[in-house]
Amino acid sequence: MFESLKSRYSRWQRYSRTVAELEGLSNRDLADLGIARSDIPRLARETVGK
């Protein structure tokens, strides 16, 4: 059980860090990458995995 919680916490940290980094980019930078601001949560979830 502890390993499961540890794993979920680790994934949540990676998700939060990914969202923060992407949200820190300007709209122009996101456009250059082909990312819409509304896509950030989805992309972060895909990056972290299940």
C-alpha atoms as a PDB file:
ATOM      1  CA  MET A   1       0.000   0.000   0.000  1.00  0.00           C
ATOM      2  CA  PHE A   2       2.792   2.426   0.863  1.00  0.00           C
ATOM      3  CA  GLU A   3       4.464   1.825  -2.514  1.00  0.00           C
ATOM      4  CA  SER A   4       1.190   2.608  -4.266  1.00  0.00           C
ATOM      5  CA  LEU A   5       0.850   5.911  -2.411  1.00  0.00           C
ATOM      6  CA  LYS A   6       4.477   6.735  -3.075  1.00  0.00           C
ATOM      7  CA  SER A   7       4.017   6.032  -6.781  1.00  0.00           C
ATOM      8  CA  ARG A   8       0.855   8.147  -7.002  1.00  0.00           C
ATOM      9  CA  TYR A   9       2.544  11.023  -5.178  1.00  0.00           C
ATOM     10  CA  SER A  10       5.517  10.832  -7.535  1.00  0.00           C
ATOM     11  CA  ARG A  11       3.217  10.927 -10.596  1.00  0.00           C
ATOM     12  CA  TRP A  12       1.327  13.893  -9.118  1.00  0.00           C
ATOM     13  CA  GLN A  13       4.622  15.744  -8.583  1.00  0.00           C
ATOM     14  CA  ARG A  14       5.694  15.125 -12.199  1.00  0.00           C
ATOM     15  CA  TYR A  15       2.267  16.219 -13.440  1.00  0.00           C
ATOM     16  CA  SER A  16       2.374  19.421 -11.365  1.00  0.00           C
ATOM     17  CA  ARG A  17       5.910  20.225 -12.463  1.00  0.00           C
ATOM     18  CA  THR A  18       5.030  19.662 -16.134  1.00  0.00           C
ATOM     19  CA  VAL A  19       1.941  21.878 -15.890  1.00  0.00           C
ATOM     20  CA  ALA A  20       3.906  24.621 -14.124  1.00  0.00           C
ATOM     21  CA  GLU A  21       6.674  24.578 -16.725  1.00  0.00           C
ATOM     22  CA  LEU A  22       4.269  24.700 -19.649  1.00  0.00           C
ATOM     23  CA  GLU A  23       2.123  27.396 -18.039  1.00  0.00           C
ATOM     24  CA  GLY A  24       5.274  29.443 -17.551  1.00  0.00           C
ATOM     25  CA  LEU A  25       5.783  29.668 -21.300  1.00  0.00           C
ATOM     26  CA  SER A  26       4.438  32.611 -23.256  1.00  0.00           C
ATOM     27  CA  ASN A  27       1.582  32.141 -25.707  1.00  0.00           C
ATOM     28  CA  ARG A  28       4.061  32.669 -28.510  1.00  0.00           C
ATOM     29  CA  ASP A  29       6.395  29.957 -27.197  1.00  0.00           C
ATOM     30  CA  LEU A  30       3.468  27.554 -26.854  1.00  0.00           C
ATOM     31  CA  ALA A  31       2.336  28.363 -30.396  1.00  0.00           C
ATOM     32  CA  ASP A  32       5.859  27.685 -31.673  1.00  0.00           C
ATOM     33  CA  LEU A  33       5.616  24.250 -30.053  1.00  0.00           C
ATOM     34  CA  GLY A  34       2.157  23.669 -31.480  1.00  0.00           C
ATOM     35  CA  ILE A  35       0.539  23.608 -28.035  1.00  0.00           C
ATOM     36  CA  ALA A  36      -2.673  25.402 -27.123  1.00  0.00           C
ATOM     37  CA  ARG A  37      -2.861  26.609 -23.521  1.00  0.00           C
ATOM     38  CA  SER A  38      -6.019  24.518 -23.083  1.00  0.00           C
ATOM     39  CA  ASP A  39      -4.026  21.383 -24.020  1.00  0.00           C
ATOM     40  CA  ILE A  40      -1.590  21.705 -21.117  1.00  0.00           C
ATOM     41  CA  PRO A  41      -3.441  19.472 -18.589  1.00  0.00           C
ATOM     42  CA  ARG A  42      -3.953  16.735 -21.191  1.00  0.00           C
ATOM     43  CA  LEU A  43      -0.342  16.834 -22.318  1.00  0.00           C
ATOM     44  CA  ALA A  44       0.860  16.697 -18.721  1.00  0.00           C
ATOM     45  CA  ARG A  45      -1.330  13.645 -18.041  1.00  0.00           C
ATOM     46  CA  GLU A  46       0.005  11.923 -21.176  1.00  0.00           C
ATOM     47  CA  THR A  47       3.563  12.699 -20.144  1.00  0.00           C
ATOM     48  CA  VAL A  48       3.136  11.255 -16.671  1.00  0.00           C
ATOM     49  CA  GLY A  49       1.233   8.184 -17.791  1.00  0.00           C
ATOM     50  CA  LYS A  50      -1.147   6.137 -15.706  1.00  0.00           C
END
